[in-house]
Every structure is written in structure tokens, then in C-alpha cells.
Amino acid sequence: MAVSQSDIKRRLSTQSGAAGNSTASTPAASIGKYMSTTDLVDATVENLFINIAAAEAAAGKTVYRCLFLYNSHGSQSMTATKIWVVSQTVGGGDISIGLDPAGAVTYNQAGAQAAIPANDTTAPSGVVFSTPTSETDALSIGTLASGKCYAVWFKLVVPVDVAALNLDNVIFRVKGQSDP
């Protein structure tokens, strides 16, 4: 049976625990090392980045988050896997994405599965950020085999003195192919 949309999990990361897929997380703690057991919740306010306070926005702020794509299918791979930014709110923070240099790793491995920055305002080592906005210029993950996960980093840059927004969002898309 082919890999379905429900087989590709989007999981928060965690620096807690001793292996991937062993510890829950929160959006604020999603800053690398291991894939958590916590799925990203769609269409929910503050599901990846927490609220930026007015004083932080006045000064400008850059924040990083790590999200894992995980192929939970029992045997099939997803090939030609890509990720890109479909849209983001104009006038708010600017989102860019980057692939972790660790690449595809076993979902429950004990060694670090992604970069481990000191905090959420420190750039993850080895990650190059860009803002691909179509499938044509998407970041290529390649093959995401069964039982593997891949860390994707999100960088939010809030410009100095940006106007407050009730909802500043980004929509990203993951696409790949599977055998029937």
C-alpha cells in the first residue's frame, strides 16, 4: 500500500529524553536534537512559534524552531520529497526554512537527530535558510524511507518596529511520491 498523507507525520522536536520519538514537547521547546512524540497541530495559533511580545517586536527578534517530517508507513518510502513555503502573512515576521545537515535518520535513534543550538535565538549549525515559494524551487529532502525522519528548521525574523498582528501565519507544503 502506498504512503498516504497520514503516514507523513510532522513532529515537534525536543532536547529532552535519550532518543528520538521518546519524549513529548511543546512549540517553545522545539529547538532541535530529537524528534518528539508530539505532532504539530494544524490551524492552531502558536502551534510552532509562540507570541512575540510588543517589546520584542519593537527591538526586532529572530527565533528558530525545528520540526521533523517522519515517515511512519510500515514499509514504503516517499521519494522526491520536497518542502516549500506556500504563503505567509504580509507585514508580519518573515519565515525561511532550511534542512538539517544530519539528513534522514532513524526515528528512534539515541544519537542526536538534528542540530542542538543553545537556545531558540541561536542559529542551528550547518543549516542554510531560504524561502522557496514553489515546488520548482523547493528544498529537496529526497527519499524519506519507512521509519526515517528528517529535521526541517524554520527561522522567524521579526523586523524592528513591525506592526502588531492578531494572526501572523505561514503555510508550508511537503510533497513526495510513493509506489502504489
C-alpha atoms as a PDB file:
ATOM      1  CA  MET A   1       0.000   0.000   0.000  1.00  0.00           C
ATOM      2  CA  ALA A   2       1.269   3.499  -0.901  1.00  0.00           C
ATOM      3  CA  VAL A   3       2.460   6.096   1.587  1.00  0.00           C
ATOM      4  CA  SER A   4      -0.547   8.275   2.429  1.00  0.00           C
ATOM      5  CA  GLN A   5      -0.751  11.791   3.802  1.00  0.00           C
ATOM      6  CA  SER A   6      -1.483  10.379   7.263  1.00  0.00           C
ATOM      7  CA  ASP A   7       1.771   8.353   7.178  1.00  0.00           C
ATOM      8  CA  ILE A   8       3.912  11.508   6.995  1.00  0.00           C
ATOM      9  CA  LYS A   9       3.908  12.959  10.493  1.00  0.00           C
ATOM     10  CA  ARG A  10       5.026  16.486  11.332  1.00  0.00           C
ATOM     11  CA  ARG A  11       6.521  16.347  14.801  1.00  0.00           C
ATOM     12  CA  LEU A  12       7.928  18.954  17.140  1.00  0.00           C
ATOM     13  CA  SER A  13      11.498  18.485  18.325  1.00  0.00           C
ATOM     14  CA  THR A  14      12.855  18.261  21.862  1.00  0.00           C
ATOM     15  CA  GLN A  15      16.221  18.475  23.571  1.00  0.00           C
ATOM     16  CA  SER A  16      14.895  16.226  26.368  1.00  0.00           C
ATOM     17  CA  GLY A  17      14.976  12.449  26.594  1.00  0.00           C
ATOM     18  CA  ALA A  18      17.558   9.930  25.490  1.00  0.00           C
ATOM     19  CA  ALA A  19      16.363   9.079  21.972  1.00  0.00           C
ATOM     20  CA  GLY A  20      14.056  10.168  19.196  1.00  0.00           C
ATOM     21  CA  ASN A  21      10.324   9.514  19.488  1.00  0.00           C
ATOM     22  CA  SER A  22      10.513   9.027  23.264  1.00  0.00           C
ATOM     23  CA  THR A  23       9.530  12.377  24.818  1.00  0.00           C
ATOM     24  CA  ALA A  24       6.700  14.880  24.320  1.00  0.00           C
ATOM     25  CA  SER A  25       7.429  18.530  23.508  1.00  0.00           C
ATOM     26  CA  THR A  26       5.935  21.991  23.164  1.00  0.00           C
ATOM     27  CA  PRO A  27       6.353  24.637  20.461  1.00  0.00           C
ATOM     28  CA  ALA A  28       8.622  26.696  22.748  1.00  0.00           C
ATOM     29  CA  ALA A  29      10.893  23.677  23.328  1.00  0.00           C
ATOM     30  CA  SER A  30      11.024  22.659  19.658  1.00  0.00           C
ATOM     31  CA  ILE A  31      14.673  23.626  19.109  1.00  0.00           C
ATOM     32  CA  GLY A  32      16.377  20.515  17.816  1.00  0.00           C
ATOM     33  CA  LYS A  33      18.198  17.345  18.914  1.00  0.00           C
ATOM     34  CA  TYR A  34      15.437  14.683  18.878  1.00  0.00           C
ATOM     35  CA  MET A  35      12.087  14.136  17.201  1.00  0.00           C
ATOM     36  CA  SER A  36       9.413  14.278  19.918  1.00  0.00           C
ATOM     37  CA  THR A  37       6.211  12.264  20.201  1.00  0.00           C
ATOM     38  CA  THR A  38       4.160  15.468  19.738  1.00  0.00           C
ATOM     39  CA  ASP A  39       2.538  16.143  16.359  1.00  0.00           C
ATOM     40  CA  LEU A  40       2.313  19.696  15.038  1.00  0.00           C
ATOM     41  CA  VAL A  41      -1.325  20.772  15.316  1.00  0.00           C
ATOM     42  CA  ASP A  42      -2.718  22.328  12.118  1.00  0.00           C
ATOM     43  CA  ALA A  43      -4.628  25.612  12.053  1.00  0.00           C
ATOM     44  CA  THR A  44      -3.849  26.454  15.673  1.00  0.00           C
ATOM     45  CA  VAL A  45      -2.474  29.754  16.941  1.00  0.00           C
ATOM     46  CA  GLU A  46       1.095  29.456  18.282  1.00  0.00           C
ATOM     47  CA  ASN A  47       1.483  25.888  17.030  1.00  0.00           C
ATOM     48  CA  LEU A  48       5.188  26.374  16.217  1.00  0.00           C
ATOM     49  CA  PHE A  49       6.219  29.899  17.255  1.00  0.00           C
ATOM     50  CA  ILE A  50       4.958  31.457  20.461  1.00  0.00           C
ATOM     51  CA  ASN A  51       3.625  35.005  20.653  1.00  0.00           C
ATOM     52  CA  ILE A  52       6.214  37.754  20.161  1.00  0.00           C
ATOM     53  CA  ALA A  53       5.728  40.405  22.851  1.00  0.00           C
ATOM     54  CA  ALA A  54       5.454  44.082  21.873  1.00  0.00           C
ATOM     55  CA  ALA A  55       8.830  44.948  23.419  1.00  0.00           C
ATOM     56  CA  GLU A  56      10.497  42.115  21.464  1.00  0.00           C
ATOM     57  CA  ALA A  57       8.853  43.247  18.224  1.00  0.00           C
ATOM     58  CA  ALA A  58       9.948  46.842  18.831  1.00  0.00           C
ATOM     59  CA  ALA A  59      13.565  45.696  19.131  1.00  0.00           C
ATOM     60  CA  GLY A  60      13.303  43.075  16.381  1.00  0.00           C
ATOM     61  CA  LYS A  61      13.827  39.388  17.036  1.00  0.00           C
ATOM     62  CA  THR A  62      14.955  36.238  15.260  1.00  0.00           C
ATOM     63  CA  VAL A  63      13.686  32.866  16.525  1.00  0.00           C
ATOM     64  CA  TYR A  64      14.338  29.296  15.322  1.00  0.00           C
ATOM     65  CA  ARG A  65      12.205  26.150  15.503  1.00  0.00           C
ATOM     66  CA  CYS A  66      12.872  22.572  14.429  1.00  0.00           C
ATOM     67  CA  LEU A  67      10.171  20.336  13.018  1.00  0.00           C
ATOM     68  CA  PHE A  68      10.613  16.719  11.933  1.00  0.00           C
ATOM     69  CA  LEU A  69       8.992  15.032   8.956  1.00  0.00           C
ATOM     70  CA  TYR A  70       8.552  11.361   9.841  1.00  0.00           C
ATOM     71  CA  ASN A  71       7.548   8.511   7.536  1.00  0.00           C
ATOM     72  CA  SER A  72       5.535   6.208   9.794  1.00  0.00           C
ATOM     73  CA  HIS A  73       4.492   3.843   6.964  1.00  0.00           C
ATOM     74  CA  GLY A  74       5.357   0.229   7.758  1.00  0.00           C
ATOM     75  CA  SER A  75       7.388  -0.457   4.621  1.00  0.00           C
ATOM     76  CA  GLN A  76       7.102   2.144   1.822  1.00  0.00           C
ATOM     77  CA  SER A  77       9.377   5.099   1.117  1.00  0.00           C
ATOM     78  CA  MET A  78       8.349   8.552  -0.025  1.00  0.00           C
ATOM     79  CA  THR A  79      10.653   9.642  -2.833  1.00  0.00           C
ATOM     80  CA  ALA A  80      11.371  13.000  -4.458  1.00  0.00           C
ATOM     81  CA  THR A  81      10.267  14.630  -1.195  1.00  0.00           C
ATOM     82  CA  LYS A  82      10.240  18.436  -1.222  1.00  0.00           C
ATOM     83  CA  ILE A  83       9.221  21.257   1.109  1.00  0.00           C
ATOM     84  CA  TRP A  84       8.421  24.891   0.386  1.00  0.00           C
ATOM     85  CA  VAL A  85       6.585  27.934   1.765  1.00  0.00           C
ATOM     86  CA  VAL A  86       3.201  28.314   0.078  1.00  0.00           C
ATOM     87  CA  SER A  87       2.290  31.624   1.724  1.00  0.00           C
ATOM     88  CA  GLN A  88       2.932  33.834   4.699  1.00  0.00           C
ATOM     89  CA  THR A  89       1.283  36.932   6.117  1.00  0.00           C
ATOM     90  CA  VAL A  90       2.491  40.155   4.513  1.00  0.00           C
ATOM     91  CA  GLY A  91       3.648  42.775   7.014  1.00  0.00           C
ATOM     92  CA  GLY A  92       4.465  40.338   9.802  1.00  0.00           C
ATOM     93  CA  GLY A  93       7.512  38.290  10.554  1.00  0.00           C
ATOM     94  CA  ASP A  94       9.427  36.682   7.690  1.00  0.00           C
ATOM     95  CA  ILE A  95       9.765  32.887   7.584  1.00  0.00           C
ATOM     96  CA  SER A  96      12.555  30.983   5.886  1.00  0.00           C
ATOM     97  CA  ILE A  97      13.313  27.266   6.021  1.00  0.00           C
ATOM     98  CA  GLY A  98      16.409  25.084   5.991  1.00  0.00           C
ATOM     99  CA  LEU A  99      17.281  21.403   6.067  1.00  0.00           C
ATOM    100  CA  ASP A 100      19.292  19.971   8.939  1.00  0.00           C
ATOM    101  CA  PRO A 101      22.664  18.574   7.773  1.00  0.00           C
ATOM    102  CA  ALA A 102      22.001  15.271   9.598  1.00  0.00           C
ATOM    103  CA  GLY A 103      19.610  14.316   6.770  1.00  0.00           C
ATOM    104  CA  ALA A 104      17.277  11.335   7.069  1.00  0.00           C
ATOM    105  CA  VAL A 105      17.856   9.422  10.314  1.00  0.00           C
ATOM    106  CA  THR A 106      16.173   6.530  12.128  1.00  0.00           C
ATOM    107  CA  TYR A 107      13.111   7.816  14.006  1.00  0.00           C
ATOM    108  CA  ASN A 108      14.122   6.398  17.423  1.00  0.00           C
ATOM    109  CA  GLN A 109      17.910   6.648  17.358  1.00  0.00           C
ATOM    110  CA  ALA A 110      19.761   7.576  20.543  1.00  0.00           C
ATOM    111  CA  GLY A 111      22.260   9.924  18.886  1.00  0.00           C
ATOM    112  CA  ALA A 112      21.190  13.475  18.097  1.00  0.00           C
ATOM    113  CA  GLN A 113      18.887  13.608  15.079  1.00  0.00           C
ATOM    114  CA  ALA A 114      19.329  17.344  14.450  1.00  0.00           C
ATOM    115  CA  ALA A 115      21.492  20.315  15.393  1.00  0.00           C
ATOM    116  CA  ILE A 116      21.403  21.397  19.045  1.00  0.00           C
ATOM    117  CA  PRO A 117      21.520  25.190  19.384  1.00  0.00           C
ATOM    118  CA  ALA A 118      21.962  26.736  22.842  1.00  0.00           C
ATOM    119  CA  ASN A 119      18.538  28.413  22.712  1.00  0.00           C
ATOM    120  CA  ASP A 120      15.791  29.471  20.310  1.00  0.00           C
ATOM    121  CA  THR A 121      17.585  32.653  19.234  1.00  0.00           C
ATOM    122  CA  THR A 122      20.815  30.849  18.246  1.00  0.00           C
ATOM    123  CA  ALA A 123      21.077  29.685  14.638  1.00  0.00           C
ATOM    124  CA  PRO A 124      21.425  25.906  14.235  1.00  0.00           C
ATOM    125  CA  SER A 125      24.879  24.936  12.988  1.00  0.00           C
ATOM    126  CA  GLY A 126      25.172  23.980   9.331  1.00  0.00           C
ATOM    127  CA  VAL A 127      21.641  24.989   8.310  1.00  0.00           C
ATOM    128  CA  VAL A 128      21.260  27.243   5.257  1.00  0.00           C
ATOM    129  CA  PHE A 129      17.981  29.170   5.171  1.00  0.00           C
ATOM    130  CA  SER A 130      15.998  30.263   2.129  1.00  0.00           C
ATOM    131  CA  THR A 131      12.400  30.962   1.200  1.00  0.00           C
ATOM    132  CA  PRO A 132      11.388  28.698  -1.665  1.00  0.00           C
ATOM    133  CA  THR A 133       7.850  29.619  -2.702  1.00  0.00           C
ATOM    134  CA  SER A 134       7.005  26.962  -5.274  1.00  0.00           C
ATOM    135  CA  GLU A 135       7.573  23.301  -6.000  1.00  0.00           C
ATOM    136  CA  THR A 136      10.096  24.344  -8.653  1.00  0.00           C
ATOM    137  CA  ASP A 137      12.463  25.962  -6.142  1.00  0.00           C
ATOM    138  CA  ALA A 138      11.517  23.758  -3.150  1.00  0.00           C
ATOM    139  CA  LEU A 139      14.131  22.304  -0.804  1.00  0.00           C
ATOM    140  CA  SER A 140      14.821  18.692  -1.719  1.00  0.00           C
ATOM    141  CA  ILE A 141      14.688  16.118   1.056  1.00  0.00           C
ATOM    142  CA  GLY A 142      14.972  13.231  -1.399  1.00  0.00           C
ATOM    143  CA  THR A 143      13.911   9.793  -0.193  1.00  0.00           C
ATOM    144  CA  LEU A 144      12.233   9.545   3.191  1.00  0.00           C
ATOM    145  CA  ALA A 145      12.299   5.799   3.843  1.00  0.00           C
ATOM    146  CA  SER A 146       9.943   3.979   6.183  1.00  0.00           C
ATOM    147  CA  GLY A 147      10.946   4.603   9.813  1.00  0.00           C
ATOM    148  CA  LYS A 148      13.099   7.634   8.969  1.00  0.00           C
ATOM    149  CA  CYS A 149      12.698  11.272   9.959  1.00  0.00           C
ATOM    150  CA  TYR A 150      14.229  14.497   8.654  1.00  0.00           C
ATOM    151  CA  ALA A 151      14.654  17.763  10.572  1.00  0.00           C
ATOM    152  CA  VAL A 152      13.486  20.977   8.925  1.00  0.00           C
ATOM    153  CA  TRP A 153      14.342  24.309  10.563  1.00  0.00           C
ATOM    154  CA  PHE A 154      12.127  27.388  10.494  1.00  0.00           C
ATOM    155  CA  LYS A 155      13.572  30.864  11.009  1.00  0.00           C
ATOM    156  CA  LEU A 156      11.238  33.698  12.008  1.00  0.00           C
ATOM    157  CA  VAL A 157      12.643  37.208  11.607  1.00  0.00           C
ATOM    158  CA  VAL A 158      10.515  39.903  13.218  1.00  0.00           C
ATOM    159  CA  PRO A 159      11.719  43.259  11.841  1.00  0.00           C
ATOM    160  CA  VAL A 160      12.353  46.195  14.172  1.00  0.00           C
ATOM    161  CA  ASP A 161       9.121  48.078  14.949  1.00  0.00           C
ATOM    162  CA  VAL A 162       6.890  45.745  12.937  1.00  0.00           C
ATOM    163  CA  ALA A 163       3.198  46.467  13.452  1.00  0.00           C
ATOM    164  CA  ALA A 164       1.281  44.137  15.737  1.00  0.00           C
ATOM    165  CA  LEU A 165      -0.815  41.470  14.051  1.00  0.00           C
ATOM    166  CA  ASN A 166      -3.573  39.327  15.508  1.00  0.00           C
ATOM    167  CA  LEU A 167      -2.558  36.459  13.233  1.00  0.00           C
ATOM    168  CA  ASP A 168       0.805  36.118  11.528  1.00  0.00           C
ATOM    169  CA  ASN A 169       0.925  32.763   9.799  1.00  0.00           C
ATOM    170  CA  VAL A 170       2.825  30.645   7.315  1.00  0.00           C
ATOM    171  CA  ILE A 171       1.652  27.729   5.205  1.00  0.00           C
ATOM    172  CA  PHE A 172       4.217  25.215   4.043  1.00  0.00           C
ATOM    173  CA  ARG A 173       3.786  22.181   1.815  1.00  0.00           C
ATOM    174  CA  VAL A 174       5.503  18.794   1.758  1.00  0.00           C
ATOM    175  CA  LYS A 175       5.175  16.717  -1.389  1.00  0.00           C
ATOM    176  CA  GLY A 176       6.627  13.403  -2.477  1.00  0.00           C
ATOM    177  CA  GLN A 177       5.940  10.271  -4.471  1.00  0.00           C
ATOM    178  CA  SER A 178       5.193   6.721  -3.394  1.00  0.00           C
ATOM    179  CA  ASP A 179       4.881   3.371  -5.088  1.00  0.00           C
ATOM    180  CA  PRO A 180       1.234   2.299  -5.473  1.00  0.00           C
END
